[in-house]
């Protein structure tokens, strides 16, 4: 990873755009419908004054003059704001990604400023896969966050509930814009939800990562616990949740069974050794264990 993606909250924040013309207007369009206050700054020597950027969380410099662009970037940086200078990556603190905007759900594709046209093409592919109602579903979960946490204080239990909620009638109602109904359905499910059933899902980790099935990729994304053989392809292991608990290699079936008995989702990434014997031991212990 050559650049770290980060999201800046915009509610009550100020974003400055320096300059005029198509580049400046394109940056302004990024924030249409957002709660940010957009401060437009003329492309003159006033843009080189530190006080022009007081309170700004982000600054975009869209001016043709190299000297003024450099002075404006330095002034914004001195005011404590990260800066993007259009077409001048050496002067920039960050790069503008291609953005998929679904309200509360935002996805971004970046190429560290090297190939913006590729980022735009990838954005189009991803955008077609993100439902328009995804932002409403995220807003529902955000609004109910405190109630969900109170009902399920243990993280693994809470994650299991939320996984189920994403494909529930409450989610369907939110996607359709029926937010009151969605909230009522989700609140009702807090008291009727059954404890999660733990399982161990086996994933062939010999690679390549591109050959994994959708079910295997989803299991890695959902795992509470990750157990990988030493010879598993690192690219396959990298697809797992970053915050999943990692087990040391050589874990035995009894340990996996104990985790599943707690209701945890275990992703078992195997290498060259066939896991048939380990799977049989789990099945004998009454644990759901299967290959993806």
Protein backbone atom coordinates (compact mmCIF):
# COMPACT_ATOMS: atom_id res chain seq x y z
CA UNK A 1 0.00 0.00 0.00
CA UNK A 2 1.62 3.23 -1.19
CA UNK A 3 -1.02 5.61 0.21
CA UNK A 4 -3.31 5.26 3.20
CA UNK A 5 -7.02 5.99 2.56
CA UNK A 6 -8.74 8.04 5.25
CA UNK A 7 -12.16 9.65 5.62
CA UNK A 8 -12.57 13.18 6.98
CA UNK A 9 -15.88 14.04 8.73
CA UNK A 10 -17.48 17.00 6.95
CA UNK A 11 -20.33 18.04 9.23
CA UNK A 12 -19.53 21.49 10.58
CA UNK A 13 -16.20 21.55 8.72
CA UNK A 14 -14.83 23.94 6.11
CA UNK A 15 -13.23 22.93 2.81
CA UNK A 16 -11.35 25.56 0.81
CA UNK A 17 -11.07 25.58 -2.97
CA UNK A 18 -8.54 27.99 -4.41
CA UNK A 19 -8.97 29.18 -7.98
CA UNK A 20 -11.55 29.19 -10.75
CA UNK A 21 -12.19 27.16 -13.87
CA UNK A 22 -13.07 23.56 -14.60
CA UNK A 23 -10.62 22.03 -12.13
CA UNK A 24 -12.02 24.11 -9.27
CA UNK A 25 -15.60 23.35 -10.27
CA UNK A 26 -14.82 19.63 -10.41
CA UNK A 27 -13.54 19.77 -6.83
CA UNK A 28 -16.64 21.69 -5.74
CA UNK A 29 -18.88 19.03 -7.28
CA UNK A 30 -17.25 16.44 -5.03
CA UNK A 31 -18.96 18.11 -2.07
CA UNK A 32 -22.42 18.67 -3.53
CA UNK A 33 -24.99 17.53 -1.00
CA UNK A 34 -22.41 17.29 1.79
CA UNK A 35 -22.72 19.23 5.07
CA UNK A 36 -19.35 20.92 4.52
CA UNK A 37 -19.01 24.67 4.22
CA UNK A 38 -17.18 25.40 0.95
CA UNK A 39 -14.88 28.42 1.04
CA UNK A 40 -13.95 29.73 -2.40
CA UNK A 41 -10.65 31.63 -2.52
CA UNK A 42 -9.56 33.68 -5.52
CA UNK A 43 -6.35 32.84 -7.36
CA UNK A 44 -4.47 35.96 -6.28
CA UNK A 45 -1.95 36.84 -3.60
CA UNK A 46 -4.65 36.56 -0.94
CA UNK A 47 -4.43 32.81 -1.46
CA UNK A 48 -0.88 32.91 -0.12
CA UNK A 49 -1.99 34.25 3.28
CA UNK A 50 -2.17 31.77 6.16
CA UNK A 51 -5.31 33.35 7.61
CA UNK A 52 -7.22 32.54 4.42
CA UNK A 53 -7.31 28.92 5.57
CA UNK A 54 -8.28 29.33 9.22
CA UNK A 55 -10.52 26.46 10.29
CA UNK A 56 -10.18 24.49 7.07
CA UNK A 57 -10.07 20.70 7.24
CA UNK A 58 -9.08 20.25 3.57
CA UNK A 59 -7.70 22.57 0.90
CA UNK A 60 -7.70 22.13 -2.88
CA UNK A 61 -5.45 24.44 -4.88
CA UNK A 62 -6.55 24.77 -8.51
CA UNK A 63 -4.36 27.50 -10.03
CA UNK A 64 -2.20 27.51 -13.15
CA UNK A 65 0.68 29.64 -11.84
CA UNK A 66 3.33 27.35 -10.32
CA UNK A 67 4.64 29.98 -7.92
CA UNK A 68 1.21 30.94 -6.58
CA UNK A 69 0.25 27.29 -6.27
CA UNK A 70 3.33 26.61 -4.16
CA UNK A 71 2.75 29.67 -1.95
CA UNK A 72 -0.95 28.83 -1.46
CA UNK A 73 -0.07 25.24 -0.54
CA UNK A 74 2.52 26.43 1.96
CA UNK A 75 0.05 28.87 3.54
CA UNK A 76 -2.67 26.22 3.87
CA UNK A 77 -0.19 23.77 5.36
CA UNK A 78 0.96 26.41 7.85
CA UNK A 79 -2.69 26.81 8.88
CA UNK A 80 -2.78 23.10 9.67
CA UNK A 81 -4.78 21.88 6.67
CA UNK A 82 -3.74 19.02 4.35
CA UNK A 83 -3.47 20.21 0.75
CA UNK A 84 -4.14 18.82 -2.70
CA UNK A 85 -2.60 20.81 -5.54
CA UNK A 86 -4.17 19.83 -8.85
CA UNK A 87 -1.69 18.26 -11.30
CA UNK A 88 1.22 18.82 -8.90
CA UNK A 89 1.64 15.68 -6.79
CA UNK A 90 4.97 16.87 -5.39
CA UNK A 91 3.16 19.77 -3.68
CA UNK A 92 0.26 17.63 -2.40
CA UNK A 93 -0.31 16.01 0.98
CA UNK A 94 -3.06 13.77 -0.41
CA UNK A 95 -4.54 12.65 -3.71
CA UNK A 96 -8.19 12.98 -4.72
CA UNK A 97 -9.75 9.54 -5.23
CA UNK A 98 -12.59 8.52 -7.51
CA UNK A 99 -15.58 8.56 -5.13
CA UNK A 100 -18.71 6.43 -4.90
CA UNK A 101 -21.20 8.46 -2.86
CA UNK A 102 -24.17 6.73 -1.25
CA UNK A 103 -24.66 9.19 1.59
CA UNK A 104 -23.53 7.41 4.75
CA UNK A 105 -21.71 4.86 2.60
CA UNK A 106 -18.71 6.23 0.73
CA UNK A 107 -16.18 4.21 -1.23
CA UNK A 108 -13.07 5.60 -2.87
CA UNK A 109 -10.60 4.29 -5.42
CA UNK A 110 -7.15 5.80 -5.67
CA UNK A 111 -3.94 5.16 -7.58
CA UNK A 112 -1.65 7.48 -5.56
CA UNK A 113 -2.18 10.09 -8.25
CA UNK A 114 -0.49 7.99 -10.95
CA UNK A 115 -3.48 6.84 -13.04
CA UNK A 116 -6.69 8.77 -12.30
CA UNK A 117 -8.41 7.41 -15.42
CA UNK A 118 -7.95 3.87 -14.09
CA UNK A 119 -9.43 4.92 -10.75
CA UNK A 120 -12.45 6.35 -12.59
CA UNK A 121 -13.00 3.14 -14.53
CA UNK A 122 -12.76 1.03 -11.37
CA UNK A 123 -15.17 3.39 -9.62
CA UNK A 124 -17.76 2.77 -12.33
CA UNK A 125 -17.45 -0.98 -11.84
CA UNK A 126 -17.80 -0.71 -8.05
CA UNK A 127 -20.60 1.87 -8.22
CA UNK A 128 -22.77 -0.57 -10.17
CA UNK A 129 -22.43 -3.05 -7.31
CA UNK A 130 -23.29 -0.68 -4.44
CA UNK A 131 -27.09 -0.36 -4.01
CA UNK A 132 -28.45 3.17 -3.97
CA UNK A 133 -30.14 2.42 -0.65
CA UNK A 134 -26.90 1.40 1.06
CA UNK A 135 -26.54 4.83 2.63
CA UNK A 136 -30.01 4.59 4.18
CA UNK A 137 -29.15 1.19 5.65
CA UNK A 138 -25.93 2.60 7.12
CA UNK A 139 -27.90 5.52 8.56
CA UNK A 140 -30.33 3.09 10.20
CA UNK A 141 -27.52 1.09 11.81
CA UNK A 142 -25.87 4.30 12.98
CA UNK A 143 -29.09 5.55 14.54
CA UNK A 144 -29.60 2.22 16.32
CA UNK A 145 -25.96 1.77 17.31
CA UNK A 146 -26.42 2.53 21.02
CA UNK A 147 -29.39 0.16 21.31
CA UNK A 148 -27.53 -2.63 19.51
CA UNK A 149 -24.50 -2.18 21.75
CA UNK A 150 -26.67 -2.27 24.86
CA UNK A 151 -28.43 -5.44 23.70
CA UNK A 152 -25.19 -7.17 22.65
CA UNK A 153 -22.23 -5.82 24.65
CA UNK A 154 -19.97 -8.71 23.55
CA UNK A 155 -18.37 -7.85 20.20
CA UNK A 156 -18.62 -11.23 18.47
CA UNK A 157 -22.29 -11.52 19.42
CA UNK A 158 -22.93 -8.01 18.15
CA UNK A 159 -21.17 -8.70 14.85
CA UNK A 160 -23.27 -11.83 14.34
CA UNK A 161 -26.46 -9.83 14.90
CA UNK A 162 -25.37 -7.12 12.47
CA UNK A 163 -24.39 -9.68 9.83
CA UNK A 164 -27.89 -11.13 10.03
CA UNK A 165 -29.45 -7.66 10.03
CA UNK A 166 -27.85 -6.82 6.67
CA UNK A 167 -30.06 -9.41 4.95
CA UNK A 168 -33.16 -8.96 7.12
CA UNK A 169 -36.58 -7.38 6.47
CA UNK A 170 -35.31 -4.32 8.33
CA UNK A 171 -32.55 -3.93 5.74
CA UNK A 172 -35.02 -4.35 2.89
CA UNK A 173 -37.24 -1.64 4.35
CA UNK A 174 -34.29 0.74 4.76
CA UNK A 175 -33.14 0.11 1.20
CA UNK A 176 -36.63 1.01 0.02
CA UNK A 177 -36.64 4.22 2.03
CA UNK A 178 -39.18 3.03 4.64
CA UNK A 179 -37.07 4.20 7.55
CA UNK A 180 -39.69 4.13 10.35
CA UNK A 181 -40.66 0.57 9.44
CA UNK A 182 -36.99 -0.41 9.21
CA UNK A 183 -36.27 0.98 12.66
CA UNK A 184 -39.28 -0.81 14.17
CA UNK A 185 -38.24 -4.13 12.57
CA UNK A 186 -34.63 -3.82 13.70
CA UNK A 187 -35.66 -2.88 17.24
CA UNK A 188 -37.99 -5.88 17.42
CA UNK A 189 -35.22 -8.20 16.27
CA UNK A 190 -33.05 -7.12 19.22
CA UNK A 191 -35.24 -9.18 21.56
CA UNK A 192 -35.94 -12.14 19.26
CA UNK A 193 -32.50 -12.76 17.77
CA UNK A 194 -31.10 -16.23 18.50
CA UNK A 195 -27.50 -16.77 19.69
CA UNK A 196 -25.07 -17.22 16.80
CA UNK A 197 -23.96 -20.68 15.73
CA UNK A 198 -20.18 -20.93 15.51
CA UNK A 199 -18.53 -22.67 12.61
CA UNK A 200 -15.15 -23.36 11.05
CA UNK A 201 -14.89 -22.62 7.35
CA UNK A 202 -11.91 -24.09 5.49
CA UNK A 203 -10.31 -22.05 2.72
CA UNK A 204 -7.65 -23.35 0.35
CA UNK A 205 -4.80 -20.93 1.02
CA UNK A 206 -2.39 -22.18 -1.60
CA UNK A 207 -3.42 -19.30 -3.87
CA UNK A 208 -3.60 -17.37 -6.00
CA UNK A 209 -5.95 -15.05 -4.15
CA UNK A 210 -7.75 -14.23 -7.39
CA UNK A 211 -8.92 -17.84 -7.65
CA UNK A 212 -10.88 -17.75 -4.38
CA UNK A 213 -14.63 -18.21 -4.63
CA UNK A 214 -16.98 -15.43 -3.56
CA UNK A 215 -18.03 -17.58 -0.58
CA UNK A 216 -14.40 -17.97 0.53
CA UNK A 217 -13.72 -14.24 0.22
CA UNK A 218 -16.86 -13.50 2.22
CA UNK A 219 -15.83 -15.97 4.94
CA UNK A 220 -12.50 -14.17 5.28
CA UNK A 221 -14.27 -10.82 5.53
CA UNK A 222 -16.66 -12.12 8.21
CA UNK A 223 -14.23 -14.11 10.35
CA UNK A 224 -13.96 -13.38 14.05
CA UNK A 225 -10.89 -15.64 14.26
CA UNK A 226 -8.26 -16.50 11.66
CA UNK A 227 -6.13 -19.67 11.77
CA UNK A 228 -3.67 -19.90 8.87
CA UNK A 229 -1.01 -22.49 8.07
CA UNK A 230 2.53 -21.17 7.73
CA UNK A 231 2.66 -22.08 4.04
CA UNK A 232 -0.61 -20.31 3.14
CA UNK A 233 -0.30 -17.66 0.41
CA UNK A 234 0.14 -14.27 2.15
CA UNK A 235 -2.15 -12.66 -0.41
CA UNK A 236 -4.97 -14.98 0.64
CA UNK A 237 -4.33 -14.27 4.33
CA UNK A 238 -4.35 -10.53 3.59
CA UNK A 239 -7.98 -10.73 2.47
CA UNK A 240 -9.12 -11.50 6.02
CA UNK A 241 -10.52 -8.83 8.34
CA UNK A 242 -7.67 -6.75 9.73
CA UNK A 243 -9.12 -6.91 13.24
CA UNK A 244 -9.84 -10.66 13.27
CA UNK A 245 -8.07 -12.50 16.08
CA UNK A 246 -4.99 -14.33 14.71
CA UNK A 247 -4.11 -17.77 16.05
CA UNK A 248 -0.61 -19.18 16.06
CA UNK A 249 0.04 -21.84 13.43
CA UNK A 250 -0.39 -25.42 14.52
CA UNK A 251 -3.66 -24.85 16.39
CA UNK A 252 -5.48 -28.14 17.01
CA UNK A 253 -9.07 -29.18 16.41
CA UNK A 254 -9.97 -28.95 20.11
CA UNK A 255 -9.02 -25.27 20.20
CA UNK A 256 -11.03 -24.59 17.04
CA UNK A 257 -14.01 -26.44 18.49
CA UNK A 258 -13.87 -24.36 21.66
CA UNK A 259 -13.97 -21.16 19.59
CA UNK A 260 -16.91 -22.38 17.54
CA UNK A 261 -18.73 -23.33 20.76
CA UNK A 262 -18.47 -19.67 21.75
CA UNK A 263 -20.45 -18.78 18.62
CA UNK A 264 -17.41 -17.43 16.75
CA UNK A 265 -16.87 -17.59 13.00
CA UNK A 266 -13.47 -19.19 12.34
CA UNK A 267 -11.70 -18.95 8.98
CA UNK A 268 -9.20 -21.80 8.66
CA UNK A 269 -6.72 -21.10 5.84
CA UNK A 270 -4.88 -24.26 4.84
CA UNK A 271 -1.68 -24.86 2.95
CA UNK A 272 -0.32 -28.06 1.45
CA UNK A 273 -1.52 -30.41 4.21
CA UNK A 274 -5.00 -31.85 3.64
CA UNK A 275 -7.24 -30.82 6.58
CA UNK A 276 -9.58 -33.83 6.25
CA UNK A 277 -8.51 -35.36 9.57
CA UNK A 278 -8.91 -32.07 11.42
CA UNK A 279 -12.34 -31.52 9.87
CA UNK A 280 -13.42 -35.02 10.89
CA UNK A 281 -12.42 -34.31 14.48
CA UNK A 282 -14.49 -31.12 14.47
CA UNK A 283 -17.50 -32.91 13.03
CA UNK A 284 -17.18 -35.58 15.71
CA UNK A 285 -17.17 -32.81 18.31
CA UNK A 286 -20.44 -31.50 16.89
CA UNK A 287 -18.96 -28.42 15.21
CA UNK A 288 -20.02 -27.23 11.76
CA UNK A 289 -16.90 -27.51 9.60
CA UNK A 290 -16.87 -27.36 5.82
CA UNK A 291 -14.77 -26.38 2.83
CA UNK A 292 -15.44 -23.37 0.63
